[in-house]
Amino acid sequence: MGLGRWYNERLLPRCIDLGMRGAVFRELRPTCVGQVRGRVLELGFGSGLNLPHYAAEVSEVVAVDPATLGRHLARERIAEAPFPVRFAELEGDRLAVDDASFDCVVSTWTLCTVPAPDRTLAEIERVLRDGGSFHFLEHGRAPEAGVARWQERLDPIQSRLFGGCRLDRRIDELVDAAHIGDMRCETFYSGRPRVLTYHYRGTATKGG
């Protein structure tokens, strides 16, 4: 195993697990995943840090994440979840799940990383049932020109160190362009540094 592969598959998932346990992330998670219900597909499952924040109305979570080490890191959280958790695989850009088979899809700090967000969002639209909803909480491009310029400057470093994570994606524009349905989105800074903490939180309802 080469150094780059070892870093991305063995070290980086552990670093992300530790980093994403912080107080700000714990406060933000329930504002997104606490709204979902029924059968849920979670993209970028990681080490299962969202699991404790799901509402009682969730009947099942189907998890997707290319970093399989996360399944090991999530084992205790999965065991404690009050609903079944199973994993689905990626077949190229396609999710190995049926059309119109989920009530909700969740993405937290994931659309910044996927190589082709337009194709990922098309898959989200495909797997949602009519009336189902996509719930997202993502960091991305800030509206202030000075902050955005720094995001562009730091983006190559951020992407290299953090598995392709991008600082400069306009998440609202990406979701809106996917035509999933009626979109509602709010934006805010969650703290400092501002280049890392500009957030997009919202929903898109299929058929809405």
Protein backbone atom coordinates (compact mmCIF):
# COMPACT_ATOMS: atom_id res chain seq x y z
CA MET A 1 0.00 0.00 0.00
CA GLY A 2 1.48 3.36 -1.05
CA LEU A 3 1.83 6.27 1.36
CA GLY A 4 -1.01 8.24 -0.25
CA ARG A 5 -3.40 5.32 -0.13
CA TRP A 6 -2.39 4.51 3.45
CA TYR A 7 -3.04 8.13 4.45
CA ASN A 8 -6.46 8.29 2.78
CA GLU A 9 -7.69 4.86 3.86
CA ARG A 10 -6.11 4.43 7.29
CA LEU A 11 -5.02 7.71 8.85
CA LEU A 12 -7.42 10.29 7.42
CA PRO A 13 -10.65 8.53 8.57
CA ARG A 14 -9.30 8.44 12.13
CA CYS A 15 -8.33 12.12 12.00
CA ILE A 16 -11.76 13.07 10.65
CA ASP A 17 -13.46 10.98 13.34
CA LEU A 18 -11.59 12.87 16.05
CA GLY A 19 -11.97 16.29 14.47
CA MET A 20 -15.69 15.96 13.73
CA ARG A 21 -16.51 15.17 17.38
CA GLY A 22 -16.05 18.83 18.34
CA ALA A 23 -18.65 20.88 20.18
CA VAL A 24 -19.70 22.95 17.14
CA PHE A 25 -20.37 19.81 15.10
CA ARG A 26 -22.32 18.22 17.97
CA GLU A 27 -24.52 21.31 18.17
CA LEU A 28 -25.13 21.48 14.42
CA ARG A 29 -25.86 17.80 13.68
CA PRO A 30 -29.32 17.60 15.29
CA THR A 31 -30.43 20.74 13.44
CA CYS A 32 -30.11 18.71 10.24
CA VAL A 33 -30.58 15.01 10.95
CA GLY A 34 -33.08 15.56 13.75
CA GLN A 35 -35.68 16.45 11.12
CA VAL A 36 -35.66 13.19 9.16
CA ARG A 37 -37.97 10.19 9.40
CA GLY A 38 -38.70 6.83 7.89
CA ARG A 39 -36.12 5.02 5.78
CA VAL A 40 -32.99 7.16 5.49
CA LEU A 41 -29.96 7.06 3.20
CA GLU A 42 -26.92 8.78 4.69
CA LEU A 43 -24.13 9.83 2.34
CA GLY A 44 -20.67 10.25 3.84
CA PHE A 45 -21.55 8.15 6.89
CA GLY A 46 -17.96 8.21 8.16
CA SER A 47 -17.76 6.91 11.72
CA GLY A 48 -21.49 7.26 12.41
CA LEU A 49 -21.35 10.53 14.35
CA ASN A 50 -24.87 11.46 13.20
CA LEU A 51 -26.48 8.32 14.65
CA PRO A 52 -27.18 9.63 18.18
CA HIS A 53 -28.95 12.67 16.74
CA TYR A 54 -31.60 10.98 14.59
CA ALA A 55 -35.22 11.29 15.67
CA ALA A 56 -37.35 8.41 16.92
CA GLU A 57 -39.30 8.46 13.64
CA VAL A 58 -36.36 6.92 11.77
CA SER A 59 -36.99 3.25 10.91
CA GLU A 60 -33.66 2.42 9.21
CA VAL A 61 -30.42 4.08 8.12
CA VAL A 62 -28.63 2.86 5.02
CA ALA A 63 -25.07 4.18 5.11
CA VAL A 64 -22.77 4.99 2.19
CA ASP A 65 -19.07 5.82 2.55
CA PRO A 66 -16.09 4.74 0.44
CA ALA A 67 -13.79 4.72 3.51
CA THR A 68 -14.57 1.27 4.92
CA LEU A 69 -12.52 1.91 8.07
CA GLY A 70 -15.41 4.09 9.21
CA ARG A 71 -17.54 0.99 9.69
CA HIS A 72 -15.08 -0.24 12.29
CA LEU A 73 -14.90 3.16 13.99
CA ALA A 74 -18.72 3.33 14.06
CA ARG A 75 -19.33 -0.13 15.53
CA GLU A 76 -20.31 1.06 19.03
CA ARG A 77 -22.59 3.80 17.70
CA ILE A 78 -24.25 1.30 15.37
CA ALA A 79 -24.79 -1.14 18.23
CA GLU A 80 -26.42 1.59 20.33
CA ALA A 81 -28.71 2.90 17.56
CA PRO A 82 -32.43 2.20 18.17
CA PHE A 83 -32.92 1.34 14.49
CA PRO A 84 -31.08 -1.00 12.09
CA VAL A 85 -28.04 0.35 10.24
CA ARG A 86 -26.78 -1.34 7.11
CA PHE A 87 -24.35 -0.38 4.38
CA ALA A 88 -24.85 0.14 0.66
CA GLU A 89 -22.04 0.18 -1.87
CA LEU A 90 -21.13 2.58 -4.64
CA GLU A 91 -20.96 1.19 -8.17
CA GLY A 92 -18.99 3.94 -9.85
CA ASP A 93 -21.14 7.06 -9.46
CA ARG A 94 -24.28 5.01 -8.87
CA LEU A 95 -25.68 4.06 -5.49
CA ALA A 96 -26.46 0.35 -5.21
CA VAL A 97 -30.04 0.98 -4.06
CA ASP A 98 -33.41 0.98 -5.80
CA ASP A 99 -35.17 3.95 -7.34
CA ALA A 100 -37.63 5.83 -5.13
CA SER A 101 -36.80 3.71 -2.08
CA PHE A 102 -36.05 6.31 0.62
CA ASP A 103 -38.09 8.82 2.59
CA CYS A 104 -35.06 10.99 3.30
CA VAL A 105 -31.46 11.40 2.21
CA VAL A 106 -28.90 13.05 4.51
CA SER A 107 -25.57 14.66 3.64
CA THR A 108 -23.46 16.37 6.31
CA TRP A 109 -20.06 17.79 5.31
CA THR A 110 -19.97 15.48 2.30
CA LEU A 111 -20.90 17.42 -0.87
CA CYS A 112 -17.67 19.37 -0.40
CA THR A 113 -15.73 16.16 -1.04
CA VAL A 114 -17.51 14.13 -3.73
CA PRO A 115 -15.68 14.33 -7.10
CA ALA A 116 -18.83 15.00 -9.16
CA PRO A 117 -21.52 16.66 -7.02
CA ASP A 118 -23.92 16.96 -9.96
CA ARG A 119 -23.95 13.17 -10.41
CA THR A 120 -24.25 12.61 -6.66
CA LEU A 121 -27.26 14.93 -6.50
CA ALA A 122 -28.84 13.20 -9.51
CA GLU A 123 -28.56 9.94 -7.57
CA ILE A 124 -30.20 11.57 -4.56
CA GLU A 125 -33.13 12.60 -6.73
CA ARG A 126 -33.35 9.07 -8.15
CA VAL A 127 -33.53 7.25 -4.81
CA LEU A 128 -35.99 9.62 -3.11
CA ARG A 129 -39.68 8.77 -3.08
CA ASP A 130 -42.17 11.42 -4.20
CA GLY A 131 -42.58 13.74 -1.25
CA GLY A 132 -39.26 12.59 0.19
CA SER A 133 -36.67 15.12 1.26
CA PHE A 134 -32.95 15.73 1.00
CA HIS A 135 -31.43 17.22 4.15
CA PHE A 136 -27.99 18.84 3.90
CA LEU A 137 -25.53 20.59 6.18
CA GLU A 138 -22.36 21.60 4.35
CA HIS A 139 -19.56 24.13 4.46
CA GLY A 140 -18.75 26.07 1.31
CA ARG A 141 -18.00 29.32 -0.45
CA ALA A 142 -18.54 32.48 1.59
CA PRO A 143 -20.27 35.55 0.11
CA GLU A 144 -17.60 38.05 1.15
CA ALA A 145 -15.06 38.56 -1.62
CA GLY A 146 -12.07 38.61 0.72
CA VAL A 147 -13.03 35.36 2.44
CA ALA A 148 -13.80 33.69 -0.89
CA ARG A 149 -10.40 34.67 -2.28
CA TRP A 150 -8.68 33.01 0.66
CA GLN A 151 -10.85 29.92 0.18
CA GLU A 152 -9.65 29.74 -3.43
CA ARG A 153 -6.02 30.13 -2.37
CA LEU A 154 -6.26 27.43 0.31
CA ASP A 155 -8.40 25.05 -1.71
CA PRO A 156 -5.52 23.01 -3.24
CA ILE A 157 -4.02 22.40 0.21
CA GLN A 158 -7.39 21.61 1.78
CA SER A 159 -8.25 19.18 -0.99
CA ARG A 160 -4.93 17.38 -0.78
CA LEU A 161 -4.94 17.01 3.01
CA PHE A 162 -8.61 16.20 3.51
CA GLY A 163 -9.57 13.65 0.89
CA GLY A 164 -10.70 16.04 -1.84
CA CYS A 165 -12.61 18.43 0.43
CA ARG A 166 -13.31 21.75 -1.32
CA LEU A 167 -13.76 25.10 0.41
CA ASP A 168 -15.29 27.02 -2.49
CA ARG A 169 -18.41 25.13 -3.59
CA ARG A 170 -21.71 27.01 -3.70
CA ILE A 171 -23.84 24.30 -2.16
CA ASP A 172 -27.14 26.13 -2.66
CA GLU A 173 -26.48 26.51 -6.38
CA LEU A 174 -25.52 22.85 -6.73
CA VAL A 175 -28.66 21.60 -4.98
CA ASP A 176 -30.90 24.01 -6.86
CA ALA A 177 -29.40 22.97 -10.21
CA ALA A 178 -30.17 19.31 -9.43
CA HIS A 179 -33.92 20.05 -9.59
CA ILE A 180 -34.75 17.69 -6.76
CA GLY A 181 -37.68 19.87 -5.81
CA ASP A 182 -38.57 22.82 -3.59
CA MET A 183 -35.37 23.94 -1.83
CA ARG A 184 -35.04 25.92 1.36
CA CYS A 185 -31.57 26.93 2.48
CA GLU A 186 -30.08 29.12 5.19
CA THR A 187 -26.46 30.22 5.46
CA PHE A 188 -24.33 31.20 8.44
CA TYR A 189 -20.87 31.19 9.94
CA SER A 190 -20.38 28.64 12.71
CA GLY A 191 -17.23 30.31 14.08
CA ARG A 192 -13.70 31.05 12.97
CA PRO A 193 -11.68 30.90 10.82
CA ARG A 194 -14.29 32.12 8.38
CA VAL A 195 -12.66 30.38 5.42
CA LEU A 196 -13.65 27.05 7.01
CA THR A 197 -16.92 27.82 8.75
CA TYR A 198 -19.40 29.26 6.23
CA HIS A 199 -22.32 26.81 6.25
CA TYR A 200 -25.31 25.92 4.10
CA ARG A 201 -28.19 24.12 5.85
CA GLY A 202 -31.39 23.19 4.11
CA THR A 203 -33.80 20.76 2.53
CA ALA A 204 -35.03 19.94 -0.95
CA THR A 205 -38.37 18.13 -1.24
CA LYS A 206 -38.97 15.92 -4.24
CA GLY A 207 -42.11 16.92 -6.07
CA GLY A 208 -42.31 20.08 -4.00
